[in-house]
Amino acid sequence: MFSGKTEELIRRVKRALYGRQKVRVFKPRIDTRYDDTQVVSHSQLKLTSLPIERAEEIFRHLSPDTQVVGIDEVQFLGGEVVQVCEALAQRGMRVICAGLDQDYQGRPFEPMPQLMAVAEYVTKELAICAVCGNPANRSQRIIGSEERVVVGAAGAYEPRCRKCHVAEPAEASPPQTLKLFD
């Protein structure tokens, strides 16, 4: 979270568009943080996308000349997204996915480990820890909820390094952090 994953997805998709490739972008319907239909980064870069409930819907929305498929917040599409991405790649399409590899407790966020294992290229973007300023690879939930999936942005999560991340924050006391920006 806050590492630039969506910005990188948008950058790569825009390069494909500049190269006149046929592109289709998808996002989970559950992700309505900044917009119901567009993929939007925390810095407000935007890209037209199609919201979907299930990964298999992607097949219905591709034209025969689609060359590149982008998928944001891929972790919300469940295990079937791995087979969908594999099938798209087998058809010769370039598949660009962005998503979290760990949940708020620092545990692997399925299906990202499987996607990373079958991908030709993996880029792991790191944020900056909101507590100490070191590179951060975890998302600290700062609101009360024990649900594994709580869609949110600033105000719900903040980036943390391994040292500053608290796997199960105490409910009675708020996290001790220094907020430099919102």
N, C-alpha and C. Protein backbone atom coordinates (compact mmCIF):
# COMPACT_ATOMS: atom_id res chain seq x y z
N MET A 1 0.83 -1.17 0.00
CA MET A 1 0.00 0.00 0.00
C MET A 1 0.88 1.25 0.00
N PHE A 2 0.58 2.19 -0.83
CA PHE A 2 1.31 3.45 -0.98
C PHE A 2 2.72 3.25 -1.53
N SER A 3 2.93 2.17 -2.27
CA SER A 3 4.25 1.89 -2.82
C SER A 3 4.35 2.25 -4.30
N GLY A 4 3.24 2.56 -4.94
CA GLY A 4 3.26 2.91 -6.36
C GLY A 4 2.87 1.76 -7.28
N LYS A 5 2.23 0.71 -6.75
CA LYS A 5 1.85 -0.44 -7.59
C LYS A 5 0.89 -0.02 -8.69
N THR A 6 -0.15 0.71 -8.33
CA THR A 6 -1.13 1.13 -9.33
C THR A 6 -0.52 2.13 -10.30
N GLU A 7 0.31 3.03 -9.81
CA GLU A 7 1.00 3.97 -10.70
C GLU A 7 1.84 3.21 -11.72
N GLU A 8 2.51 2.17 -11.28
CA GLU A 8 3.34 1.38 -12.20
C GLU A 8 2.48 0.64 -13.21
N LEU A 9 1.35 0.11 -12.78
CA LEU A 9 0.41 -0.53 -13.71
C LEU A 9 -0.03 0.49 -14.76
N ILE A 10 -0.43 1.67 -14.32
CA ILE A 10 -0.88 2.71 -15.24
C ILE A 10 0.25 3.09 -16.20
N ARG A 11 1.46 3.24 -15.70
CA ARG A 11 2.61 3.59 -16.55
C ARG A 11 2.82 2.55 -17.64
N ARG A 12 2.79 1.28 -17.25
CA ARG A 12 3.02 0.20 -18.23
C ARG A 12 1.89 0.11 -19.25
N VAL A 13 0.67 0.30 -18.80
CA VAL A 13 -0.47 0.27 -19.73
C VAL A 13 -0.39 1.45 -20.69
N LYS A 14 -0.05 2.62 -20.19
CA LYS A 14 0.07 3.80 -21.07
C LYS A 14 1.17 3.61 -22.11
N ARG A 15 2.26 2.96 -21.74
CA ARG A 15 3.33 2.68 -22.72
C ARG A 15 2.80 1.76 -23.82
N ALA A 16 2.01 0.78 -23.44
CA ALA A 16 1.42 -0.10 -24.45
C ALA A 16 0.48 0.69 -25.36
N LEU A 17 -0.29 1.59 -24.79
CA LEU A 17 -1.19 2.42 -25.59
C LEU A 17 -0.41 3.33 -26.53
N TYR A 18 0.69 3.91 -26.05
CA TYR A 18 1.54 4.74 -26.92
C TYR A 18 2.08 3.91 -28.08
N GLY A 19 2.33 2.64 -27.81
CA GLY A 19 2.82 1.72 -28.85
C GLY A 19 1.71 1.18 -29.73
N ARG A 20 0.52 1.74 -29.59
CA ARG A 20 -0.65 1.37 -30.40
C ARG A 20 -1.06 -0.09 -30.22
N GLN A 21 -0.84 -0.61 -29.03
CA GLN A 21 -1.29 -1.96 -28.73
C GLN A 21 -2.73 -1.89 -28.21
N LYS A 22 -3.47 -2.94 -28.46
CA LYS A 22 -4.86 -3.03 -27.99
C LYS A 22 -4.84 -3.49 -26.54
N VAL A 23 -5.39 -2.66 -25.65
CA VAL A 23 -5.29 -2.87 -24.22
C VAL A 23 -6.69 -2.92 -23.61
N ARG A 24 -6.84 -3.76 -22.60
CA ARG A 24 -8.07 -3.80 -21.81
C ARG A 24 -7.66 -3.89 -20.34
N VAL A 25 -8.24 -3.04 -19.49
CA VAL A 25 -7.88 -2.97 -18.07
C VAL A 25 -9.09 -3.33 -17.22
N PHE A 26 -8.84 -4.08 -16.15
CA PHE A 26 -9.89 -4.55 -15.25
C PHE A 26 -9.53 -4.22 -13.81
N LYS A 27 -10.56 -4.13 -12.99
CA LYS A 27 -10.38 -3.97 -11.55
C LYS A 27 -11.52 -4.69 -10.85
N PRO A 28 -11.31 -5.15 -9.63
CA PRO A 28 -12.40 -5.79 -8.88
C PRO A 28 -13.49 -4.77 -8.56
N ARG A 29 -14.71 -5.18 -8.72
CA ARG A 29 -15.86 -4.29 -8.44
C ARG A 29 -15.84 -3.79 -6.99
N ILE A 30 -15.26 -4.57 -6.09
CA ILE A 30 -15.20 -4.20 -4.68
C ILE A 30 -14.35 -2.94 -4.45
N ASP A 31 -13.45 -2.63 -5.36
CA ASP A 31 -12.54 -1.49 -5.19
C ASP A 31 -13.20 -0.21 -5.70
N THR A 32 -13.86 0.49 -4.79
CA THR A 32 -14.54 1.74 -5.14
C THR A 32 -13.92 2.92 -4.38
N ARG A 33 -12.68 2.78 -3.93
CA ARG A 33 -12.05 3.81 -3.10
C ARG A 33 -12.06 5.19 -3.75
N TYR A 34 -11.58 5.30 -4.96
CA TYR A 34 -11.47 6.60 -5.61
C TYR A 34 -12.48 6.77 -6.75
N ASP A 35 -12.90 5.66 -7.35
CA ASP A 35 -13.81 5.72 -8.49
C ASP A 35 -14.43 4.34 -8.69
N ASP A 36 -15.66 4.31 -9.14
CA ASP A 36 -16.33 3.03 -9.35
C ASP A 36 -15.80 2.29 -10.57
N THR A 37 -15.35 3.02 -11.59
CA THR A 37 -14.96 2.35 -12.82
C THR A 37 -13.50 2.55 -13.20
N GLN A 38 -12.89 3.62 -12.80
CA GLN A 38 -11.50 3.86 -13.20
C GLN A 38 -10.52 3.28 -12.19
N VAL A 39 -9.37 2.86 -12.69
CA VAL A 39 -8.24 2.53 -11.84
C VAL A 39 -7.62 3.87 -11.48
N VAL A 40 -7.45 4.13 -10.18
CA VAL A 40 -6.94 5.41 -9.72
C VAL A 40 -5.84 5.16 -8.69
N SER A 41 -4.69 5.81 -8.90
CA SER A 41 -3.60 5.69 -7.93
C SER A 41 -3.83 6.66 -6.78
N HIS A 42 -3.07 6.49 -5.71
CA HIS A 42 -3.18 7.40 -4.57
C HIS A 42 -2.82 8.83 -4.97
N SER A 43 -1.99 8.98 -6.02
CA SER A 43 -1.63 10.32 -6.49
C SER A 43 -2.59 10.83 -7.57
N GLN A 44 -3.70 10.11 -7.75
CA GLN A 44 -4.81 10.50 -8.63
C GLN A 44 -4.53 10.32 -10.12
N LEU A 45 -3.54 9.51 -10.50
CA LEU A 45 -3.42 9.10 -11.90
C LEU A 45 -4.59 8.19 -12.18
N LYS A 46 -5.18 8.29 -13.38
CA LYS A 46 -6.39 7.52 -13.69
C LYS A 46 -6.27 6.79 -15.01
N LEU A 47 -7.01 5.69 -15.10
CA LEU A 47 -7.03 4.88 -16.29
C LEU A 47 -8.39 4.21 -16.40
N THR A 48 -8.99 4.26 -17.56
CA THR A 48 -10.29 3.63 -17.77
C THR A 48 -10.17 2.13 -17.58
N SER A 49 -11.13 1.57 -16.84
CA SER A 49 -11.11 0.13 -16.60
C SER A 49 -12.53 -0.39 -16.54
N LEU A 50 -12.63 -1.69 -16.49
CA LEU A 50 -13.92 -2.35 -16.38
C LEU A 50 -13.96 -3.09 -15.04
N PRO A 51 -14.89 -2.73 -14.15
CA PRO A 51 -15.01 -3.45 -12.88
C PRO A 51 -15.63 -4.83 -13.11
N ILE A 52 -15.06 -5.84 -12.42
CA ILE A 52 -15.56 -7.20 -12.54
C ILE A 52 -15.70 -7.83 -11.16
N GLU A 53 -16.59 -8.81 -11.08
CA GLU A 53 -16.79 -9.57 -9.83
C GLU A 53 -15.83 -10.75 -9.76
N ARG A 54 -15.67 -11.44 -10.89
CA ARG A 54 -14.88 -12.67 -10.94
C ARG A 54 -13.89 -12.59 -12.09
N ALA A 55 -12.74 -13.20 -11.91
CA ALA A 55 -11.68 -13.15 -12.92
C ALA A 55 -12.12 -13.71 -14.26
N GLU A 56 -12.95 -14.75 -14.25
CA GLU A 56 -13.35 -15.37 -15.52
C GLU A 56 -14.15 -14.43 -16.41
N GLU A 57 -14.70 -13.35 -15.85
CA GLU A 57 -15.42 -12.35 -16.66
C GLU A 57 -14.50 -11.68 -17.68
N ILE A 58 -13.22 -11.68 -17.42
CA ILE A 58 -12.26 -11.04 -18.32
C ILE A 58 -12.41 -11.58 -19.74
N PHE A 59 -12.58 -12.88 -19.87
CA PHE A 59 -12.68 -13.49 -21.20
C PHE A 59 -13.81 -12.90 -22.02
N ARG A 60 -14.93 -12.59 -21.39
CA ARG A 60 -16.10 -12.06 -22.10
C ARG A 60 -15.88 -10.64 -22.62
N HIS A 61 -14.90 -9.94 -22.06
CA HIS A 61 -14.73 -8.52 -22.39
C HIS A 61 -13.49 -8.25 -23.25
N LEU A 62 -12.92 -9.28 -23.82
CA LEU A 62 -11.75 -9.09 -24.68
C LEU A 62 -12.15 -9.16 -26.14
N SER A 63 -11.52 -8.34 -26.94
CA SER A 63 -11.72 -8.44 -28.38
C SER A 63 -10.65 -9.38 -28.93
N PRO A 64 -10.86 -9.91 -30.13
CA PRO A 64 -9.87 -10.83 -30.70
C PRO A 64 -8.48 -10.21 -30.89
N ASP A 65 -8.43 -8.88 -30.97
CA ASP A 65 -7.13 -8.23 -31.19
C ASP A 65 -6.50 -7.67 -29.91
N THR A 66 -7.04 -8.01 -28.74
CA THR A 66 -6.45 -7.56 -27.47
C THR A 66 -5.05 -8.13 -27.33
N GLN A 67 -4.10 -7.24 -27.01
CA GLN A 67 -2.71 -7.65 -26.86
C GLN A 67 -2.21 -7.58 -25.42
N VAL A 68 -2.79 -6.63 -24.66
CA VAL A 68 -2.33 -6.40 -23.29
C VAL A 68 -3.54 -6.35 -22.37
N VAL A 69 -3.45 -7.07 -21.25
CA VAL A 69 -4.51 -7.04 -20.23
C VAL A 69 -3.88 -6.54 -18.94
N GLY A 70 -4.49 -5.52 -18.36
CA GLY A 70 -4.05 -4.99 -17.07
C GLY A 70 -5.09 -5.32 -16.01
N ILE A 71 -4.63 -5.72 -14.83
CA ILE A 71 -5.54 -6.03 -13.72
C ILE A 71 -4.99 -5.38 -12.46
N ASP A 72 -5.79 -4.47 -11.88
CA ASP A 72 -5.39 -3.81 -10.64
C ASP A 72 -6.03 -4.53 -9.46
N GLU A 73 -5.40 -4.43 -8.29
CA GLU A 73 -5.90 -5.05 -7.05
C GLU A 73 -6.27 -6.51 -7.28
N VAL A 74 -5.38 -7.22 -7.95
CA VAL A 74 -5.63 -8.60 -8.37
C VAL A 74 -5.89 -9.54 -7.19
N GLN A 75 -5.40 -9.19 -6.01
CA GLN A 75 -5.59 -10.07 -4.85
C GLN A 75 -7.07 -10.22 -4.49
N PHE A 76 -7.92 -9.29 -4.91
CA PHE A 76 -9.35 -9.36 -4.58
C PHE A 76 -10.13 -10.27 -5.53
N LEU A 77 -9.49 -10.83 -6.54
CA LEU A 77 -10.20 -11.65 -7.52
C LEU A 77 -10.14 -13.14 -7.23
N GLY A 78 -9.49 -13.55 -6.16
CA GLY A 78 -9.49 -14.95 -5.76
C GLY A 78 -8.57 -15.83 -6.59
N GLY A 79 -8.53 -17.10 -6.22
CA GLY A 79 -7.62 -18.07 -6.81
C GLY A 79 -7.80 -18.30 -8.30
N GLU A 80 -9.00 -18.15 -8.81
CA GLU A 80 -9.23 -18.40 -10.24
C GLU A 80 -8.46 -17.43 -11.13
N VAL A 81 -8.03 -16.30 -10.60
CA VAL A 81 -7.31 -15.33 -11.42
C VAL A 81 -5.99 -15.90 -11.92
N VAL A 82 -5.41 -16.84 -11.20
CA VAL A 82 -4.14 -17.44 -11.63
C VAL A 82 -4.36 -18.19 -12.95
N GLN A 83 -5.39 -19.02 -13.01
CA GLN A 83 -5.68 -19.77 -14.24
C GLN A 83 -6.08 -18.83 -15.38
N VAL A 84 -6.80 -17.77 -15.06
CA VAL A 84 -7.19 -16.79 -16.08
C VAL A 84 -5.95 -16.12 -16.66
N CYS A 85 -5.06 -15.68 -15.80
CA CYS A 85 -3.82 -15.03 -16.28
C CYS A 85 -2.97 -15.99 -17.10
N GLU A 86 -2.88 -17.23 -16.66
CA GLU A 86 -2.13 -18.24 -17.41
C GLU A 86 -2.75 -18.45 -18.79
N ALA A 87 -4.07 -18.53 -18.87
CA ALA A 87 -4.75 -18.73 -20.15
C ALA A 87 -4.53 -17.54 -21.08
N LEU A 88 -4.58 -16.33 -20.53
CA LEU A 88 -4.34 -15.14 -21.35
C LEU A 88 -2.91 -15.13 -21.89
N ALA A 89 -1.96 -15.46 -21.04
CA ALA A 89 -0.56 -15.51 -21.47
C ALA A 89 -0.36 -16.60 -22.53
N GLN A 90 -1.03 -17.73 -22.36
CA GLN A 90 -0.93 -18.81 -23.36
C GLN A 90 -1.47 -18.35 -24.71
N ARG A 91 -2.41 -17.44 -24.71
CA ARG A 91 -2.96 -16.88 -25.96
C ARG A 91 -2.05 -15.83 -26.57
N GLY A 92 -0.94 -15.53 -25.90
CA GLY A 92 0.02 -14.58 -26.42
C GLY A 92 -0.16 -13.15 -25.92
N MET A 93 -1.04 -12.96 -24.97
CA MET A 93 -1.26 -11.62 -24.42
C MET A 93 -0.25 -11.33 -23.32
N ARG A 94 0.09 -10.06 -23.21
CA ARG A 94 0.90 -9.61 -22.07
C ARG A 94 -0.08 -9.30 -20.96
N VAL A 95 0.14 -9.85 -19.77
CA VAL A 95 -0.74 -9.65 -18.63
C VAL A 95 0.04 -8.89 -17.57
N ILE A 96 -0.49 -7.73 -17.18
CA ILE A 96 0.15 -6.88 -16.18
C ILE A 96 -0.78 -6.82 -14.97
N CYS A 97 -0.31 -7.32 -13.84
CA CYS A 97 -1.12 -7.34 -12.62
C CYS A 97 -0.47 -6.50 -11.55
N ALA A 98 -1.31 -5.85 -10.75
CA ALA A 98 -0.83 -5.11 -9.57
C ALA A 98 -1.67 -5.55 -8.38
N GLY A 99 -1.00 -5.79 -7.26
CA GLY A 99 -1.75 -6.19 -6.08
C GLY A 99 -0.84 -6.35 -4.87
N LEU A 100 -1.48 -6.53 -3.74
CA LEU A 100 -0.76 -6.73 -2.48
C LEU A 100 -0.35 -8.18 -2.32
N ASP A 101 0.88 -8.42 -1.90
CA ASP A 101 1.33 -9.79 -1.68
C ASP A 101 1.17 -10.22 -0.22
N GLN A 102 0.83 -9.27 0.68
CA GLN A 102 0.61 -9.59 2.09
C GLN A 102 -0.66 -8.90 2.57
N ASP A 103 -1.35 -9.55 3.50
CA ASP A 103 -2.52 -8.92 4.10
C ASP A 103 -2.08 -8.02 5.25
N TYR A 104 -3.02 -7.45 5.97
CA TYR A 104 -2.71 -6.50 7.03
C TYR A 104 -1.96 -7.12 8.20
N GLN A 105 -1.94 -8.45 8.29
CA GLN A 105 -1.19 -9.12 9.34
C GLN A 105 0.18 -9.60 8.88
N GLY A 106 0.53 -9.28 7.65
CA GLY A 106 1.83 -9.68 7.12
C GLY A 106 1.86 -11.10 6.58
N ARG A 107 0.69 -11.71 6.40
CA ARG A 107 0.61 -13.07 5.86
C ARG A 107 0.45 -13.01 4.34
N PRO A 108 0.92 -14.03 3.62
CA PRO A 108 0.74 -14.05 2.17
C PRO A 108 -0.73 -13.85 1.80
N PHE A 109 -0.97 -12.98 0.83
CA PHE A 109 -2.32 -12.65 0.40
C PHE A 109 -2.59 -13.41 -0.89
N GLU A 110 -3.30 -14.52 -0.74
CA GLU A 110 -3.63 -15.34 -1.90
C GLU A 110 -4.49 -14.53 -2.86
N PRO A 111 -4.27 -14.66 -4.13
CA PRO A 111 -3.45 -15.61 -4.87
C PRO A 111 -2.10 -15.07 -5.33
N MET A 112 -1.64 -13.97 -4.72
CA MET A 112 -0.40 -13.34 -5.18
C MET A 112 0.81 -14.28 -5.19
N PRO A 113 1.02 -15.12 -4.16
CA PRO A 113 2.19 -16.01 -4.23
C PRO A 113 2.16 -16.92 -5.47
N GLN A 114 0.99 -17.42 -5.84
CA GLN A 114 0.87 -18.28 -7.02
C GLN A 114 1.12 -17.47 -8.30
N LEU A 115 0.57 -16.26 -8.37
CA LEU A 115 0.80 -15.41 -9.55
C LEU A 115 2.28 -15.08 -9.70
N MET A 116 2.91 -14.75 -8.59
CA MET A 116 4.33 -14.41 -8.63
C MET A 116 5.17 -15.61 -9.08
N ALA A 117 4.74 -16.81 -8.70
CA ALA A 117 5.48 -18.01 -9.06
C ALA A 117 5.42 -18.31 -10.56
N VAL A 118 4.31 -17.98 -11.21
CA VAL A 118 4.17 -18.32 -12.64
C VAL A 118 4.49 -17.15 -13.56
N ALA A 119 4.73 -15.97 -13.00
CA ALA A 119 5.02 -14.79 -13.81
C ALA A 119 6.44 -14.83 -14.37
N GLU A 120 6.59 -14.29 -15.56
CA GLU A 120 7.94 -14.16 -16.13
C GLU A 120 8.73 -13.07 -15.41
N TYR A 121 8.05 -11.99 -15.04
CA TYR A 121 8.70 -10.86 -14.38
C TYR A 121 7.89 -10.46 -13.15
N VAL A 122 8.60 -10.18 -12.06
CA VAL A 122 7.96 -9.70 -10.84
C VAL A 122 8.73 -8.47 -10.37
N THR A 123 8.00 -7.38 -10.15
CA THR A 123 8.58 -6.17 -9.60
C THR A 123 7.89 -5.92 -8.27
N LYS A 124 8.65 -5.88 -7.20
CA LYS A 124 8.08 -5.63 -5.89
C LYS A 124 8.39 -4.19 -5.50
N GLU A 125 7.35 -3.38 -5.46
CA GLU A 125 7.49 -1.98 -5.09
C GLU A 125 7.40 -1.85 -3.57
N LEU A 126 8.21 -0.99 -2.99
CA LEU A 126 8.18 -0.76 -1.56
C LEU A 126 7.75 0.67 -1.27
N ALA A 127 7.01 0.82 -0.19
CA ALA A 127 6.60 2.15 0.27
C ALA A 127 7.64 2.64 1.27
N ILE A 128 7.32 3.73 1.94
CA ILE A 128 8.16 4.26 3.01
C ILE A 128 7.40 4.11 4.32
N CYS A 129 8.05 3.52 5.31
CA CYS A 129 7.42 3.28 6.60
C CYS A 129 6.96 4.59 7.23
N ALA A 130 5.70 4.63 7.64
CA ALA A 130 5.12 5.83 8.25
C ALA A 130 5.66 6.09 9.65
N VAL A 131 6.35 5.11 10.23
CA VAL A 131 6.88 5.28 11.58
C VAL A 131 8.34 5.70 11.56
N CYS A 132 9.18 4.94 10.83
CA CYS A 132 10.63 5.18 10.90
C CYS A 132 11.26 5.69 9.61
N GLY A 133 10.53 5.63 8.49
CA GLY A 133 11.07 6.13 7.23
C GLY A 133 11.86 5.12 6.42
N ASN A 134 11.99 3.90 6.90
CA ASN A 134 12.70 2.85 6.15
C ASN A 134 11.79 2.28 5.07
N PRO A 135 12.36 1.50 4.13
CA PRO A 135 11.51 0.85 3.13
C PRO A 135 10.46 -0.04 3.81
N ALA A 136 9.23 0.04 3.31
CA ALA A 136 8.11 -0.68 3.93
C ALA A 136 7.49 -1.65 2.93
N ASN A 137 7.29 -2.89 3.36
CA ASN A 137 6.65 -3.88 2.50
C ASN A 137 5.37 -4.42 3.12
N ARG A 138 4.85 -3.77 4.14
CA ARG A 138 3.63 -4.24 4.80
C ARG A 138 2.62 -3.10 4.94
N SER A 139 1.36 -3.50 5.09
CA SER A 139 0.27 -2.55 5.28
C SER A 139 -0.26 -2.69 6.70
N GLN A 140 -0.16 -1.63 7.46
CA GLN A 140 -0.67 -1.64 8.83
C GLN A 140 -2.10 -1.11 8.83
N ARG A 141 -3.04 -1.94 9.25
CA ARG A 141 -4.41 -1.46 9.37
C ARG A 141 -4.49 -0.61 10.62
N ILE A 142 -5.03 0.59 10.50
CA ILE A 142 -5.11 1.50 11.62
C ILE A 142 -6.56 1.80 12.03
N ILE A 143 -7.48 1.00 11.51
CA ILE A 143 -8.88 1.08 11.94
C ILE A 143 -9.25 -0.26 12.55
N GLY A 144 -10.26 -0.28 13.36
CA GLY A 144 -10.67 -1.51 14.02
C GLY A 144 -11.50 -2.40 13.12
N SER A 145 -10.99 -3.58 12.81
CA SER A 145 -11.72 -4.60 12.06
C SER A 145 -10.87 -5.86 12.04
N GLU A 146 -11.51 -6.99 12.17
CA GLU A 146 -10.78 -8.25 12.07
C GLU A 146 -11.04 -8.95 10.75
N GLU A 147 -11.82 -8.33 9.87
CA GLU A 147 -12.05 -8.88 8.54
C GLU A 147 -10.74 -8.87 7.78
N ARG A 148 -10.51 -9.90 6.99
CA ARG A 148 -9.26 -9.93 6.22
C ARG A 148 -9.26 -8.85 5.16
N VAL A 149 -10.40 -8.63 4.52
CA VAL A 149 -10.49 -7.63 3.45
C VAL A 149 -11.32 -6.45 3.93
N VAL A 150 -10.67 -5.32 4.04
CA VAL A 150 -11.32 -4.04 4.29
C VAL A 150 -10.73 -3.08 3.26
N VAL A 151 -11.53 -2.73 2.26
CA VAL A 151 -11.04 -1.85 1.21
C VAL A 151 -10.91 -0.45 1.79
N GLY A 152 -9.73 0.12 1.67
CA GLY A 152 -9.51 1.45 2.20
C GLY A 152 -8.21 2.02 1.70
N ALA A 153 -7.96 3.27 2.06
CA ALA A 153 -6.75 3.95 1.65
C ALA A 153 -6.18 4.68 2.87
N ALA A 154 -5.71 5.92 2.67
CA ALA A 154 -5.21 6.71 3.79
C ALA A 154 -6.33 6.83 4.82
N GLY A 155 -5.99 6.67 6.07
CA GLY A 155 -6.99 6.69 7.12
C GLY A 155 -7.39 5.30 7.56
N ALA A 156 -7.18 4.30 6.71
CA ALA A 156 -7.48 2.92 7.06
C ALA A 156 -6.20 2.09 7.17
N TYR A 157 -5.21 2.44 6.38
CA TYR A 157 -3.94 1.72 6.35
C TYR A 157 -2.79 2.71 6.25
N GLU A 158 -1.62 2.25 6.66
CA GLU A 158 -0.40 3.00 6.40
C GLU A 158 0.73 2.01 6.20
N PRO A 159 1.74 2.40 5.41
CA PRO A 159 2.85 1.49 5.16
C PRO A 159 3.75 1.36 6.38
N ARG A 160 4.24 0.14 6.59
CA ARG A 160 5.15 -0.13 7.70
C ARG A 160 6.24 -1.08 7.24
N CYS A 161 7.41 -0.93 7.84
CA CYS A 161 8.50 -1.88 7.62
C CYS A 161 8.27 -3.08 8.53
N ARG A 162 9.07 -4.10 8.36
CA ARG A 162 8.95 -5.32 9.18
C ARG A 162 9.07 -4.99 10.67
N LYS A 163 10.00 -4.12 11.03
CA LYS A 163 10.24 -3.79 12.44
C LYS A 163 9.06 -3.04 13.07
N CYS A 164 8.44 -2.14 12.33
CA CYS A 164 7.39 -1.29 12.89
C CYS A 164 5.98 -1.87 12.71
N HIS A 165 5.85 -2.91 11.91
CA HIS A 165 4.54 -3.51 11.68
C HIS A 165 4.09 -4.28 12.91
N VAL A 166 2.83 -4.11 13.28
CA VAL A 166 2.24 -4.83 14.40
C VAL A 166 1.21 -5.78 13.80
N ALA A 167 1.45 -7.09 13.88
CA ALA A 167 0.58 -8.07 13.23
C ALA A 167 -0.84 -8.02 13.76
N GLU A 168 -1.02 -7.89 15.05
CA GLU A 168 -2.36 -7.83 15.63
C GLU A 168 -2.40 -6.64 16.57
N PRO A 169 -2.76 -5.45 16.05
CA PRO A 169 -2.73 -4.26 16.90
C PRO A 169 -3.69 -4.38 18.08
N ALA A 170 -3.28 -3.84 19.21
CA ALA A 170 -4.14 -3.83 20.40
C ALA A 170 -5.34 -2.94 20.13
N GLU A 171 -6.53 -3.44 20.46
CA GLU A 171 -7.74 -2.69 20.18
C GLU A 171 -7.90 -1.50 21.11
N ALA A 172 -7.36 -1.58 22.32
CA ALA A 172 -7.58 -0.53 23.30
C ALA A 172 -6.77 0.73 23.01
N SER A 173 -5.59 0.58 22.39
CA SER A 173 -4.76 1.76 22.16
C SER A 173 -4.49 1.94 20.68
N PRO A 174 -4.59 3.18 20.20
CA PRO A 174 -4.31 3.44 18.79
C PRO A 174 -2.83 3.28 18.51
N PRO A 175 -2.46 2.97 17.25
CA PRO A 175 -1.05 2.83 16.91
C PRO A 175 -0.31 4.15 17.15
N GLN A 176 0.92 4.04 17.64
CA GLN A 176 1.73 5.22 17.88
C GLN A 176 2.52 5.53 16.61
N THR A 177 2.08 6.53 15.87
CA THR A 177 2.74 6.87 14.63
C THR A 177 2.91 8.37 14.51
N LEU A 178 3.84 8.76 13.70
CA LEU A 178 4.04 10.15 13.37
C LEU A 178 3.47 10.37 11.98
N LYS A 179 2.44 11.15 11.86
CA LYS A 179 1.81 11.43 10.57
C LYS A 179 2.47 12.64 9.95
N LEU A 180 3.15 12.44 8.85
CA LEU A 180 3.77 13.55 8.13
C LEU A 180 2.87 14.13 7.07
N PHE A 181 1.94 13.31 6.59
CA PHE A 181 1.02 13.75 5.54
C PHE A 181 -0.19 12.85 5.54
N ASP A 182 -1.25 13.29 4.90
CA ASP A 182 -2.46 12.47 4.77
C ASP A 182 -2.59 11.99 3.35
